[in-house]
Amino acid sequence: MSANRNEHSTPHHDKLPIRMLHDRVLVRQETGEGERRSGGGILIPATAAVGRRLAWAAVVAVGQNVRTVEPGDRVLFDPEDRAEVEVRGVAYVLMRERDLHAVAADRFEGSEDSTGLYL
């Protein structure tokens, strides 16, 4: 992996004015707040109380010691354990690589060593 992994662009194609250090990962949380549907099609209002729920986010930048994810990956994390930061008016979540629970298998599909067991 290249040494410039942390300099990938955001969805707005602007270079971030920060550089991630060590094992830090900067993600942008997917907007899933609001109403949603259950697997059976039942509408669940945004105000409904739910148990501890993990959230999906897109990796925006990584530090030089991050080994398992790269910018553009979709990762699963606990939104309760997060540190938010705003860069150029966009809210991001900053965390350590070890605080990520899973990586979506999209990147691994089709690779020779893929087992499909990443989530």
PDB file of N, CA and C in Angstrom:
ATOM      1  N   MET A   1       0.842  -1.177   0.000  1.00  0.00           N
ATOM      2  CA  MET A   1       0.000   0.000   0.000  1.00  0.00           C
ATOM      3  C   MET A   1       0.881   1.231   0.000  1.00  0.00           C
ATOM      4  N   SER A   2       0.448   2.249  -0.625  1.00  0.00           N
ATOM      5  CA  SER A   2       1.303   3.418  -0.783  1.00  0.00           C
ATOM      6  C   SER A   2       1.385   4.230   0.500  1.00  0.00           C
ATOM      7  N   ALA A   3       2.434   5.009   0.599  1.00  0.00           N
ATOM      8  CA  ALA A   3       2.623   5.860   1.770  1.00  0.00           C
ATOM      9  C   ALA A   3       1.651   7.031   1.766  1.00  0.00           C
ATOM     10  N   ASN A   4       1.030   7.308   0.641  1.00  0.00           N
ATOM     11  CA  ASN A   4       0.119   8.449   0.532  1.00  0.00           C
ATOM     12  C   ASN A   4      -1.337   8.028   0.635  1.00  0.00           C
ATOM     13  N   ARG A   5      -1.617   6.904   1.287  1.00  0.00           N
ATOM     14  CA  ARG A   5      -2.994   6.432   1.414  1.00  0.00           C
ATOM     15  C   ARG A   5      -3.881   7.443   2.106  1.00  0.00           C
ATOM     16  N   ASN A   6      -3.331   8.210   3.016  1.00  0.00           N
ATOM     17  CA  ASN A   6      -4.148   9.140   3.782  1.00  0.00           C
ATOM     18  C   ASN A   6      -4.442  10.426   3.027  1.00  0.00           C
ATOM     19  N   GLU A   7      -3.966  10.553   1.817  1.00  0.00           N
ATOM     20  CA  GLU A   7      -4.196  11.772   1.060  1.00  0.00           C
ATOM     21  C   GLU A   7      -5.274  11.595   0.000  1.00  0.00           C
ATOM     22  N   HIS A   8      -6.058  10.509   0.078  1.00  0.00           N
ATOM     23  CA  HIS A   8      -7.147  10.305  -0.872  1.00  0.00           C
ATOM     24  C   HIS A   8      -8.178  11.413  -0.695  1.00  0.00           C
ATOM     25  N   SER A   9      -8.917  11.690  -1.740  1.00  0.00           N
ATOM     26  CA  SER A   9      -9.862  12.797  -1.690  1.00  0.00           C
ATOM     27  C   SER A   9     -11.178  12.397  -1.059  1.00  0.00           C
ATOM     28  N   THR A  10     -11.885  13.400  -0.594  1.00  0.00           N
ATOM     29  CA  THR A  10     -13.217  13.209  -0.047  1.00  0.00           C
ATOM     30  C   THR A  10     -14.185  13.139  -1.215  1.00  0.00           C
ATOM     31  N   PRO A  11     -15.462  12.843  -0.971  1.00  0.00           N
ATOM     32  CA  PRO A  11     -16.432  12.812  -2.062  1.00  0.00           C
ATOM     33  C   PRO A  11     -16.504  14.138  -2.818  1.00  0.00           C
ATOM     34  N   HIS A  12     -16.048  15.231  -2.213  1.00  0.00           N
ATOM     35  CA  HIS A  12     -16.068  16.528  -2.884  1.00  0.00           C
ATOM     36  C   HIS A  12     -14.811  16.753  -3.708  1.00  0.00           C
ATOM     37  N   HIS A  13     -13.929  15.738  -3.767  1.00  0.00           N
ATOM     38  CA  HIS A  13     -12.684  15.783  -4.537  1.00  0.00           C
ATOM     39  C   HIS A  13     -11.732  16.863  -4.039  1.00  0.00           C
ATOM     40  N   ASP A  14     -11.828  17.226  -2.782  1.00  0.00           N
ATOM     41  CA  ASP A  14     -10.898  18.178  -2.173  1.00  0.00           C
ATOM     42  C   ASP A  14      -9.953  17.398  -1.277  1.00  0.00           C
ATOM     43  N   LYS A  15      -8.681  17.735  -1.315  1.00  0.00           N
ATOM     44  CA  LYS A  15      -7.721  17.091  -0.432  1.00  0.00           C
ATOM     45  C   LYS A  15      -7.959  17.579   0.990  1.00  0.00           C
ATOM     46  N   LEU A  16      -7.956  16.655   1.934  1.00  0.00           N
ATOM     47  CA  LEU A  16      -8.152  17.040   3.326  1.00  0.00           C
ATOM     48  C   LEU A  16      -6.942  17.825   3.808  1.00  0.00           C
ATOM     49  N   PRO A  17      -7.168  18.861   4.603  1.00  0.00           N
ATOM     50  CA  PRO A  17      -6.054  19.677   5.098  1.00  0.00           C
ATOM     51  C   PRO A  17      -5.386  19.073   6.334  1.00  0.00           C
ATOM     52  N   ILE A  18      -5.587  17.779   6.580  1.00  0.00           N
ATOM     53  CA  ILE A  18      -4.965  17.120   7.720  1.00  0.00           C
ATOM     54  C   ILE A  18      -4.343  15.810   7.247  1.00  0.00           C
ATOM     55  N   ARG A  19      -3.395  15.312   8.035  1.00  0.00           N
ATOM     56  CA  ARG A  19      -2.755  14.024   7.753  1.00  0.00           C
ATOM     57  C   ARG A  19      -2.957  13.143   8.963  1.00  0.00           C
ATOM     58  N   MET A  20      -3.482  11.956   8.757  1.00  0.00           N
ATOM     59  CA  MET A  20      -3.747  11.042   9.857  1.00  0.00           C
ATOM     60  C   MET A  20      -2.426  10.454  10.344  1.00  0.00           C
ATOM     61  N   LEU A  21      -2.328  10.246  11.647  1.00  0.00           N
ATOM     62  CA  LEU A  21      -1.118   9.712  12.252  1.00  0.00           C
ATOM     63  C   LEU A  21      -1.348   8.312  12.808  1.00  0.00           C
ATOM     64  N   HIS A  22      -0.290   7.548  12.882  1.00  0.00           N
ATOM     65  CA  HIS A  22      -0.228   6.246  13.541  1.00  0.00           C
ATOM     66  C   HIS A  22      -1.329   5.302  13.084  1.00  0.00           C
ATOM     67  N   ASP A  23      -2.187   4.844  14.011  1.00  0.00           N
ATOM     68  CA  ASP A  23      -3.222   3.865  13.675  1.00  0.00           C
ATOM     69  C   ASP A  23      -4.609   4.502  13.607  1.00  0.00           C
ATOM     70  N   ARG A  24      -4.656   5.787  13.332  1.00  0.00           N
ATOM     71  CA  ARG A  24      -5.943   6.495  13.311  1.00  0.00           C
ATOM     72  C   ARG A  24      -6.636   6.331  11.957  1.00  0.00           C
ATOM     73  N   VAL A  25      -7.969   6.280  12.023  1.00  0.00           N
ATOM     74  CA  VAL A  25      -8.807   6.145  10.835  1.00  0.00           C
ATOM     75  C   VAL A  25      -9.854   7.251  10.896  1.00  0.00           C
ATOM     76  N   LEU A  26     -10.020   7.965   9.804  1.00  0.00           N
ATOM     77  CA  LEU A  26     -11.034   9.008   9.711  1.00  0.00           C
ATOM     78  C   LEU A  26     -12.136   8.487   8.800  1.00  0.00           C
ATOM     79  N   VAL A  27     -13.375   8.489   9.308  1.00  0.00           N
ATOM     80  CA  VAL A  27     -14.501   7.967   8.531  1.00  0.00           C
ATOM     81  C   VAL A  27     -15.615   9.007   8.463  1.00  0.00           C
ATOM     82  N   ARG A  28     -16.436   8.849   7.464  1.00  0.00           N
ATOM     83  CA  ARG A  28     -17.629   9.678   7.338  1.00  0.00           C
ATOM     84  C   ARG A  28     -18.819   8.747   7.486  1.00  0.00           C
ATOM     85  N   GLN A  29     -19.593   8.972   8.530  1.00  0.00           N
ATOM     86  CA  GLN A  29     -20.720   8.101   8.841  1.00  0.00           C
ATOM     87  C   GLN A  29     -21.803   8.229   7.794  1.00  0.00           C
ATOM     88  N   GLU A  30     -22.348   7.075   7.420  1.00  0.00           N
ATOM     89  CA  GLU A  30     -23.450   7.067   6.472  1.00  0.00           C
ATOM     90  C   GLU A  30     -24.679   7.633   7.159  1.00  0.00           C
ATOM     91  N   THR A  31     -25.437   8.421   6.441  1.00  0.00           N
ATOM     92  CA  THR A  31     -26.632   9.024   7.033  1.00  0.00           C
ATOM     93  C   THR A  31     -27.740   7.993   7.055  1.00  0.00           C
ATOM     94  N   GLY A  32     -27.947   7.414   8.224  1.00  0.00           N
ATOM     95  CA  GLY A  32     -28.986   6.414   8.395  1.00  0.00           C
ATOM     96  C   GLY A  32     -29.968   6.843   9.457  1.00  0.00           C
ATOM     97  N   GLU A  33     -29.801   8.086   9.905  1.00  0.00           N
ATOM     98  CA  GLU A  33     -30.682   8.574  10.946  1.00  0.00           C
ATOM     99  C   GLU A  33     -32.007   8.973  10.323  1.00  0.00           C
ATOM    100  N   GLY A  34     -33.047   8.691  11.016  1.00  0.00           N
ATOM    101  CA  GLY A  34     -34.366   8.972  10.492  1.00  0.00           C
ATOM    102  C   GLY A  34     -35.143   7.670  10.420  1.00  0.00           C
ATOM    103  N   GLU A  35     -36.215   7.690   9.681  1.00  0.00           N
ATOM    104  CA  GLU A  35     -37.048   6.499   9.574  1.00  0.00           C
ATOM    105  C   GLU A  35     -36.311   5.415   8.797  1.00  0.00           C
ATOM    106  N   ARG A  36     -36.588   4.172   9.143  1.00  0.00           N
ATOM    107  CA  ARG A  36     -36.019   3.039   8.421  1.00  0.00           C
ATOM    108  C   ARG A  36     -37.048   1.922   8.413  1.00  0.00           C
ATOM    109  N   ARG A  37     -36.792   0.906   7.629  1.00  0.00           N
ATOM    110  CA  ARG A  37     -37.722  -0.227   7.535  1.00  0.00           C
ATOM    111  C   ARG A  37     -37.067  -1.485   8.085  1.00  0.00           C
ATOM    112  N   SER A  38     -37.877  -2.284   8.740  1.00  0.00           N
ATOM    113  CA  SER A  38     -37.390  -3.571   9.244  1.00  0.00           C
ATOM    114  C   SER A  38     -37.285  -4.538   8.070  1.00  0.00           C
ATOM    115  N   GLY A  39     -36.718  -5.715   8.324  1.00  0.00           N
ATOM    116  CA  GLY A  39     -36.614  -6.726   7.278  1.00  0.00           C
ATOM    117  C   GLY A  39     -37.971  -7.150   6.748  1.00  0.00           C
ATOM    118  N   GLY A  40     -39.008  -7.043   7.577  1.00  0.00           N
ATOM    119  CA  GLY A  40     -40.366  -7.407   7.173  1.00  0.00           C
ATOM    120  C   GLY A  40     -41.135  -6.259   6.533  1.00  0.00           C
ATOM    121  N   GLY A  41     -40.490  -5.091   6.388  1.00  0.00           N
ATOM    122  CA  GLY A  41     -41.132  -3.958   5.738  1.00  0.00           C
ATOM    123  C   GLY A  41     -41.855  -3.010   6.668  1.00  0.00           C
ATOM    124  N   ILE A  42     -41.744  -3.212   7.964  1.00  0.00           N
ATOM    125  CA  ILE A  42     -42.414  -2.339   8.931  1.00  0.00           C
ATOM    126  C   ILE A  42     -41.614  -1.045   9.059  1.00  0.00           C
ATOM    127  N   LEU A  43     -42.302   0.095   8.988  1.00  0.00           N
ATOM    128  CA  LEU A  43     -41.663   1.405   9.120  1.00  0.00           C
ATOM    129  C   LEU A  43     -41.338   1.665  10.584  1.00  0.00           C
ATOM    130  N   ILE A  44     -40.062   1.959  10.877  1.00  0.00           N
ATOM    131  CA  ILE A  44     -39.617   2.237  12.242  1.00  0.00           C
ATOM    132  C   ILE A  44     -39.283   3.722  12.324  1.00  0.00           C
ATOM    133  N   PRO A  45     -39.995   4.503  13.152  1.00  0.00           N
ATOM    134  CA  PRO A  45     -39.736   5.948  13.229  1.00  0.00           C
ATOM    135  C   PRO A  45     -38.371   6.243  13.847  1.00  0.00           C
ATOM    136  N   ALA A  46     -37.835   7.408  13.540  1.00  0.00           N
ATOM    137  CA  ALA A  46     -36.521   7.817  14.040  1.00  0.00           C
ATOM    138  C   ALA A  46     -36.501   7.935  15.556  1.00  0.00           C
ATOM    139  N   THR A  47     -37.661   8.151  16.165  1.00  0.00           N
ATOM    140  CA  THR A  47     -37.728   8.335  17.612  1.00  0.00           C
ATOM    141  C   THR A  47     -37.813   7.014  18.374  1.00  0.00           C
ATOM    142  N   ALA A  48     -37.903   5.886  17.667  1.00  0.00           N
ATOM    143  CA  ALA A  48     -38.019   4.584  18.333  1.00  0.00           C
ATOM    144  C   ALA A  48     -36.719   4.247  19.054  1.00  0.00           C
ATOM    145  N   ALA A  49     -36.860   3.750  20.278  1.00  0.00           N
ATOM    146  CA  ALA A  49     -35.682   3.352  21.061  1.00  0.00           C
ATOM    147  C   ALA A  49     -35.196   2.000  20.561  1.00  0.00           C
ATOM    148  N   VAL A  50     -33.906   1.925  20.289  1.00  0.00           N
ATOM    149  CA  VAL A  50     -33.319   0.654  19.857  1.00  0.00           C
ATOM    150  C   VAL A  50     -32.143   0.343  20.764  1.00  0.00           C
ATOM    151  N   GLY A  51     -31.758  -0.906  20.801  1.00  0.00           N
ATOM    152  CA  GLY A  51     -30.599  -1.307  21.588  1.00  0.00           C
ATOM    153  C   GLY A  51     -29.333  -0.796  20.939  1.00  0.00           C
ATOM    154  N   ARG A  52     -28.234  -1.217  21.487  1.00  0.00           N
ATOM    155  CA  ARG A  52     -26.937  -0.811  20.947  1.00  0.00           C
ATOM    156  C   ARG A  52     -26.836  -1.267  19.498  1.00  0.00           C
ATOM    157  N   ARG A  53     -26.591  -0.342  18.612  1.00  0.00           N
ATOM    158  CA  ARG A  53     -26.589  -0.625  17.188  1.00  0.00           C
ATOM    159  C   ARG A  53     -25.302  -0.107  16.572  1.00  0.00           C
ATOM    160  N   LEU A  54     -24.619  -0.955  15.810  1.00  0.00           N
ATOM    161  CA  LEU A  54     -23.403  -0.551  15.115  1.00  0.00           C
ATOM    162  C   LEU A  54     -23.782   0.245  13.875  1.00  0.00           C
ATOM    163  N   ALA A  55     -22.847   1.047  13.369  1.00  0.00           N
ATOM    164  CA  ALA A  55     -23.127   1.910  12.222  1.00  0.00           C
ATOM    165  C   ALA A  55     -22.093   1.679  11.124  1.00  0.00           C
ATOM    166  N   TRP A  56     -22.483   1.963   9.889  1.00  0.00           N
ATOM    167  CA  TRP A  56     -21.587   1.866   8.737  1.00  0.00           C
ATOM    168  C   TRP A  56     -21.015   3.239   8.428  1.00  0.00           C
ATOM    169  N   ALA A  57     -19.791   3.250   7.943  1.00  0.00           N
ATOM    170  CA  ALA A  57     -19.136   4.503   7.555  1.00  0.00           C
ATOM    171  C   ALA A  57     -18.161   4.218   6.429  1.00  0.00           C
ATOM    172  N   ALA A  58     -17.811   5.275   5.710  1.00  0.00           N
ATOM    173  CA  ALA A  58     -16.828   5.172   4.629  1.00  0.00           C
ATOM    174  C   ALA A  58     -15.495   5.719   5.134  1.00  0.00           C
ATOM    175  N   VAL A  59     -14.421   4.969   4.913  1.00  0.00           N
ATOM    176  CA  VAL A  59     -13.091   5.408   5.319  1.00  0.00           C
ATOM    177  C   VAL A  59     -12.646   6.528   4.389  1.00  0.00           C
ATOM    178  N   VAL A  60     -12.219   7.640   4.976  1.00  0.00           N
ATOM    179  CA  VAL A  60     -11.787   8.804   4.217  1.00  0.00           C
ATOM    180  C   VAL A  60     -10.267   8.925   4.198  1.00  0.00           C
ATOM    181  N   ALA A  61      -9.637   8.656   5.345  1.00  0.00           N
ATOM    182  CA  ALA A  61      -8.181   8.760   5.452  1.00  0.00           C
ATOM    183  C   ALA A  61      -7.687   7.810   6.531  1.00  0.00           C
ATOM    184  N   VAL A  62      -6.437   7.370   6.398  1.00  0.00           N
ATOM    185  CA  VAL A  62      -5.843   6.461   7.371  1.00  0.00           C
ATOM    186  C   VAL A  62      -4.419   6.892   7.693  1.00  0.00           C
ATOM    187  N   GLY A  63      -3.968   6.541   8.895  1.00  0.00           N
ATOM    188  CA  GLY A  63      -2.597   6.806   9.296  1.00  0.00           C
ATOM    189  C   GLY A  63      -1.637   5.789   8.696  1.00  0.00           C
ATOM    190  N   GLN A  64      -0.352   6.054   8.806  1.00  0.00           N
ATOM    191  CA  GLN A  64       0.658   5.206   8.169  1.00  0.00           C
ATOM    192  C   GLN A  64       0.765   3.815   8.777  1.00  0.00           C
ATOM    193  N   ASN A  65       0.264   3.596   9.991  1.00  0.00           N
ATOM    194  CA  ASN A  65       0.338   2.279  10.628  1.00  0.00           C
ATOM    195  C   ASN A  65      -0.936   1.454  10.488  1.00  0.00           C
ATOM    196  N   VAL A  66      -1.912   1.950   9.750  1.00  0.00           N
ATOM    197  CA  VAL A  66      -3.151   1.206   9.528  1.00  0.00           C
ATOM    198  C   VAL A  66      -2.884   0.132   8.488  1.00  0.00           C
ATOM    199  N   ARG A  67      -3.283  -1.120   8.804  1.00  0.00           N
ATOM    200  CA  ARG A  67      -2.944  -2.226   7.911  1.00  0.00           C
ATOM    201  C   ARG A  67      -4.138  -2.894   7.254  1.00  0.00           C
ATOM    202  N   THR A  68      -5.337  -2.804   7.837  1.00  0.00           N
ATOM    203  CA  THR A  68      -6.442  -3.612   7.332  1.00  0.00           C
ATOM    204  C   THR A  68      -7.487  -2.864   6.522  1.00  0.00           C
ATOM    205  N   VAL A  69      -7.478  -1.553   6.563  1.00  0.00           N
ATOM    206  CA  VAL A  69      -8.453  -0.786   5.783  1.00  0.00           C
ATOM    207  C   VAL A  69      -7.735   0.280   4.982  1.00  0.00           C
ATOM    208  N   GLU A  70      -8.420   0.772   3.964  1.00  0.00           N
ATOM    209  CA  GLU A  70      -7.868   1.837   3.144  1.00  0.00           C
ATOM    210  C   GLU A  70      -8.992   2.784   2.751  1.00  0.00           C
ATOM    211  N   PRO A  71      -8.661   3.999   2.331  1.00  0.00           N
ATOM    212  CA  PRO A  71      -9.706   4.950   1.937  1.00  0.00           C
ATOM    213  C   PRO A  71     -10.628   4.340   0.885  1.00  0.00           C
ATOM    214  N   GLY A  72     -11.912   4.564   1.088  1.00  0.00           N
ATOM    215  CA  GLY A  72     -12.917   4.018   0.190  1.00  0.00           C
ATOM    216  C   GLY A  72     -13.594   2.778   0.739  1.00  0.00           C
ATOM    217  N   ASP A  73     -12.992   2.112   1.737  1.00  0.00           N
ATOM    218  CA  ASP A  73     -13.603   0.941   2.348  1.00  0.00           C
ATOM    219  C   ASP A  73     -14.829   1.341   3.146  1.00  0.00           C
ATOM    220  N   ARG A  74     -15.758   0.413   3.280  1.00  0.00           N
ATOM    221  CA  ARG A  74     -16.942   0.599   4.104  1.00  0.00           C
ATOM    222  C   ARG A  74     -16.732  -0.225   5.361  1.00  0.00           C
ATOM    223  N   VAL A  75     -16.805   0.423   6.528  1.00  0.00           N
ATOM    224  CA  VAL A  75     -16.495  -0.244   7.791  1.00  0.00           C
ATOM    225  C   VAL A  75     -17.644  -0.139   8.781  1.00  0.00           C
ATOM    226  N   LEU A  76     -17.645  -1.060   9.732  1.00  0.00           N
ATOM    227  CA  LEU A  76     -18.660  -1.117  10.769  1.00  0.00           C
ATOM    228  C   LEU A  76     -18.006  -0.722  12.094  1.00  0.00           C
ATOM    229  N   PHE A  77     -18.647   0.207  12.829  1.00  0.00           N
ATOM    230  CA  PHE A  77     -18.096   0.671  14.096  1.00  0.00           C
ATOM    231  C   PHE A  77     -19.215   0.973  15.077  1.00  0.00           C
ATOM    232  N   ASP A  78     -18.849   1.154  16.335  1.00  0.00           N
ATOM    233  CA  ASP A  78     -19.806   1.475  17.386  1.00  0.00           C
ATOM    234  C   ASP A  78     -19.917   2.995  17.511  1.00  0.00           C
ATOM    235  N   PRO A  79     -21.040   3.582  17.148  1.00  0.00           N
ATOM    236  CA  PRO A  79     -21.166   5.047  17.206  1.00  0.00           C
ATOM    237  C   PRO A  79     -21.138   5.609  18.625  1.00  0.00           C
ATOM    238  N   GLU A  80     -21.273   4.752  19.641  1.00  0.00           N
ATOM    239  CA  GLU A  80     -21.187   5.215  21.026  1.00  0.00           C
ATOM    240  C   GLU A  80     -19.756   5.607  21.379  1.00  0.00           C
ATOM    241  N   ASP A  81     -18.778   4.916  20.800  1.00  0.00           N
ATOM    242  CA  ASP A  81     -17.358   5.150  21.088  1.00  0.00           C
ATOM    243  C   ASP A  81     -16.731   5.950  19.956  1.00  0.00           C
ATOM    244  N   ARG A  82     -17.053   7.215  19.860  1.00  0.00           N
ATOM    245  CA  ARG A  82     -16.519   7.986  18.742  1.00  0.00           C
ATOM    246  C   ARG A  82     -16.100   9.381  19.167  1.00  0.00           C
ATOM    247  N   ALA A  83     -15.177   9.909  18.402  1.00  0.00           N
ATOM    248  CA  ALA A  83     -14.734  11.289  18.579  1.00  0.00           C
ATOM    249  C   ALA A  83     -15.012  11.987  17.255  1.00  0.00           C
ATOM    250  N   GLU A  84     -15.859  12.985  17.280  1.00  0.00           N
ATOM    251  CA  GLU A  84     -16.218  13.687  16.054  1.00  0.00           C
ATOM    252  C   GLU A  84     -15.305  14.877  15.835  1.00  0.00           C
ATOM    253  N   VAL A  85     -15.064  15.171  14.568  1.00  0.00           N
ATOM    254  CA  VAL A  85     -14.269  16.323  14.185  1.00  0.00           C
ATOM    255  C   VAL A  85     -14.892  16.911  12.917  1.00  0.00           C
ATOM    256  N   GLU A  86     -14.839  18.217  12.801  1.00  0.00           N
ATOM    257  CA  GLU A  86     -15.375  18.879  11.618  1.00  0.00           C
ATOM    258  C   GLU A  86     -14.218  19.439  10.806  1.00  0.00           C
ATOM    259  N   VAL A  87     -14.175  19.091   9.530  1.00  0.00           N
ATOM    260  CA  VAL A  87     -13.142  19.576   8.619  1.00  0.00           C
ATOM    261  C   VAL A  87     -13.841  20.181   7.414  1.00  0.00           C
ATOM    262  N   ARG A  88     -13.589  21.472   7.187  1.00  0.00           N
ATOM    263  CA  ARG A  88     -14.229  22.199   6.076  1.00  0.00           C
ATOM    264  C   ARG A  88     -15.750  22.045   6.079  1.00  0.00           C
ATOM    265  N   GLY A  89     -16.327  22.083   7.269  1.00  0.00           N
ATOM    266  CA  GLY A  89     -17.779  22.038   7.404  1.00  0.00           C
ATOM    267  C   GLY A  89     -18.391  20.653   7.280  1.00  0.00           C
ATOM    268  N   VAL A  90     -17.579  19.612   7.181  1.00  0.00           N
ATOM    269  CA  VAL A  90     -18.080  18.245   7.069  1.00  0.00           C
ATOM    270  C   VAL A  90     -17.726  17.493   8.350  1.00  0.00           C
ATOM    271  N   ALA A  91     -18.700  16.785   8.916  1.00  0.00           N
ATOM    272  CA  ALA A  91     -18.478  16.037  10.150  1.00  0.00           C
ATOM    273  C   ALA A  91     -17.879  14.667   9.840  1.00  0.00           C
ATOM    274  N   TYR A  92     -16.814  14.329  10.551  1.00  0.00           N
ATOM    275  CA  TYR A  92     -16.143  13.038  10.425  1.00  0.00           C
ATOM    276  C   TYR A  92     -16.032  12.416  11.806  1.00  0.00           C
ATOM    277  N   VAL A  93     -15.735  11.125  11.835  1.00  0.00           N
ATOM    278  CA  VAL A  93     -15.496  10.406  13.077  1.00  0.00           C
ATOM    279  C   VAL A  93     -14.049   9.925  13.043  1.00  0.00           C
ATOM    280  N   LEU A  94     -13.326  10.172  14.128  1.00  0.00           N
ATOM    281  CA  LEU A  94     -11.934   9.775  14.248  1.00  0.00           C
ATOM    282  C   LEU A  94     -11.838   8.625  15.241  1.00  0.00           C
ATOM    283  N   MET A  95     -11.136   7.562  14.868  1.00  0.00           N
ATOM    284  CA  MET A  95     -11.000   6.410  15.760  1.00  0.00           C
ATOM    285  C   MET A  95      -9.706   5.663  15.476  1.00  0.00           C
ATOM    286  N   ARG A  96      -9.402   4.728  16.356  1.00  0.00           N
ATOM    287  CA  ARG A  96      -8.256   3.849  16.143  1.00  0.00           C
ATOM    288  C   ARG A  96      -8.708   2.678  15.269  1.00  0.00           C
ATOM    289  N   GLU A  97      -7.774   2.121  14.541  1.00  0.00           N
ATOM    290  CA  GLU A  97      -8.094   0.983  13.678  1.00  0.00           C
ATOM    291  C   GLU A  97      -8.701  -0.164  14.486  1.00  0.00           C
ATOM    292  N   ARG A  98      -8.225  -0.395  15.684  1.00  0.00           N
ATOM    293  CA  ARG A  98      -8.722  -1.509  16.492  1.00  0.00           C
ATOM    294  C   ARG A  98     -10.172  -1.326  16.934  1.00  0.00           C
ATOM    295  N   ASP A  99     -10.715  -0.101  16.823  1.00  0.00           N
ATOM    296  CA  ASP A  99     -12.104   0.148  17.193  1.00  0.00           C
ATOM    297  C   ASP A  99     -13.087  -0.186  16.074  1.00  0.00           C
ATOM    298  N   LEU A 100     -12.578  -0.569  14.918  1.00  0.00           N
ATOM    299  CA  LEU A 100     -13.439  -0.991  13.816  1.00  0.00           C
ATOM    300  C   LEU A 100     -13.817  -2.455  14.037  1.00  0.00           C
ATOM    301  N   HIS A 101     -15.065  -2.791  13.749  1.00  0.00           N
ATOM    302  CA  HIS A 101     -15.539  -4.148  13.975  1.00  0.00           C
ATOM    303  C   HIS A 101     -15.465  -5.021  12.728  1.00  0.00           C
ATOM    304  N   ALA A 102     -15.615  -4.421  11.532  1.00  0.00           N
ATOM    305  CA  ALA A 102     -15.632  -5.213  10.304  1.00  0.00           C
ATOM    306  C   ALA A 102     -15.398  -4.306   9.097  1.00  0.00           C
ATOM    307  N   VAL A 103     -15.014  -4.945   7.998  1.00  0.00           N
ATOM    308  CA  VAL A 103     -14.867  -4.259   6.709  1.00  0.00           C
ATOM    309  C   VAL A 103     -15.802  -4.964   5.750  1.00  0.00           C
ATOM    310  N   ALA A 104     -16.583  -4.200   4.988  1.00  0.00           N
ATOM    311  CA  ALA A 104     -17.482  -4.805   4.003  1.00  0.00           C
ATOM    312  C   ALA A 104     -16.646  -5.569   2.986  1.00  0.00           C
ATOM    313  N   ALA A 105     -17.128  -6.707   2.544  1.00  0.00           N
ATOM    314  CA  ALA A 105     -16.361  -7.604   1.689  1.00  0.00           C
ATOM    315  C   ALA A 105     -16.307  -7.162   0.227  1.00  0.00           C
ATOM    316  N   ASP A 106     -16.918  -6.047  -0.145  1.00  0.00           N
ATOM    317  CA  ASP A 106     -16.934  -5.606  -1.545  1.00  0.00           C
ATOM    318  C   ASP A 106     -15.535  -5.553  -2.141  1.00  0.00           C
ATOM    319  N   ARG A 107     -14.587  -5.030  -1.413  1.00  0.00           N
ATOM    320  CA  ARG A 107     -13.225  -4.881  -1.924  1.00  0.00           C
ATOM    321  C   ARG A 107     -12.563  -6.227  -2.151  1.00  0.00           C
ATOM    322  N   PHE A 108     -12.961  -7.238  -1.402  1.00  0.00           N
ATOM    323  CA  PHE A 108     -12.299  -8.533  -1.453  1.00  0.00           C
ATOM    324  C   PHE A 108     -12.898  -9.493  -2.470  1.00  0.00           C
ATOM    325  N   GLU A 109     -14.081  -9.200  -2.978  1.00  0.00           N
ATOM    326  CA  GLU A 109     -14.716 -10.101  -3.933  1.00  0.00           C
ATOM    327  C   GLU A 109     -13.872 -10.198  -5.189  1.00  0.00           C
ATOM    328  N   GLY A 110     -13.681 -11.413  -5.650  1.00  0.00           N
ATOM    329  CA  GLY A 110     -12.923 -11.631  -6.865  1.00  0.00           C
ATOM    330  C   GLY A 110     -11.437 -11.798  -6.637  1.00  0.00           C
ATOM    331  N   SER A 111     -10.948 -11.527  -5.431  1.00  0.00           N
ATOM    332  CA  SER A 111      -9.527 -11.729  -5.193  1.00  0.00           C
ATOM    333  C   SER A 111      -9.273 -13.222  -4.979  1.00  0.00           C
ATOM    334  N   GLU A 112      -8.092 -13.670  -5.326  1.00  0.00           N
ATOM    335  CA  GLU A 112      -7.773 -15.090  -5.261  1.00  0.00           C
ATOM    336  C   GLU A 112      -7.817 -15.645  -3.848  1.00  0.00           C
ATOM    337  N   ASP A 113      -7.443 -14.846  -2.857  1.00  0.00           N
ATOM    338  CA  ASP A 113      -7.404 -15.350  -1.486  1.00  0.00           C
ATOM    339  C   ASP A 113      -8.665 -15.019  -0.698  1.00  0.00           C
ATOM    340  N   SER A 114      -9.719 -14.651  -1.380  1.00  0.00           N
ATOM    341  CA  SER A 114     -10.960 -14.267  -0.718  1.00  0.00           C
ATOM    342  C   SER A 114     -11.735 -15.472  -0.246  1.00  0.00           C
ATOM    343  N   THR A 115     -12.161 -15.452   1.015  1.00  0.00           N
ATOM    344  CA  THR A 115     -13.025 -16.504   1.537  1.00  0.00           C
ATOM    345  C   THR A 115     -14.447 -16.002   1.682  1.00  0.00           C
ATOM    346  N   GLY A 116     -14.630 -14.685   1.607  1.00  0.00           N
ATOM    347  CA  GLY A 116     -15.961 -14.108   1.765  1.00  0.00           C
ATOM    348  C   GLY A 116     -16.384 -13.972   3.216  1.00  0.00           C
ATOM    349  N   LEU A 117     -15.512 -14.285   4.160  1.00  0.00           N
ATOM    350  CA  LEU A 117     -15.864 -14.257   5.574  1.00  0.00           C
ATOM    351  C   LEU A 117     -15.280 -13.027   6.256  1.00  0.00           C
ATOM    352  N   TYR A 118     -15.672 -11.845   5.849  1.00  0.00           N
ATOM    353  CA  TYR A 118     -15.111 -10.622   6.413  1.00  0.00           C
ATOM    354  C   TYR A 118     -16.084  -9.904   7.321  1.00  0.00           C
ATOM    355  N   LEU A 119     -17.339 -10.295   7.365  1.00  0.00           N
ATOM    356  CA  LEU A 119     -18.300  -9.645   8.257  1.00  0.00           C
ATOM    357  C   LEU A 119     -18.817 -10.634   9.247  1.00  0.00           C
TER     358      LEU A 119
END
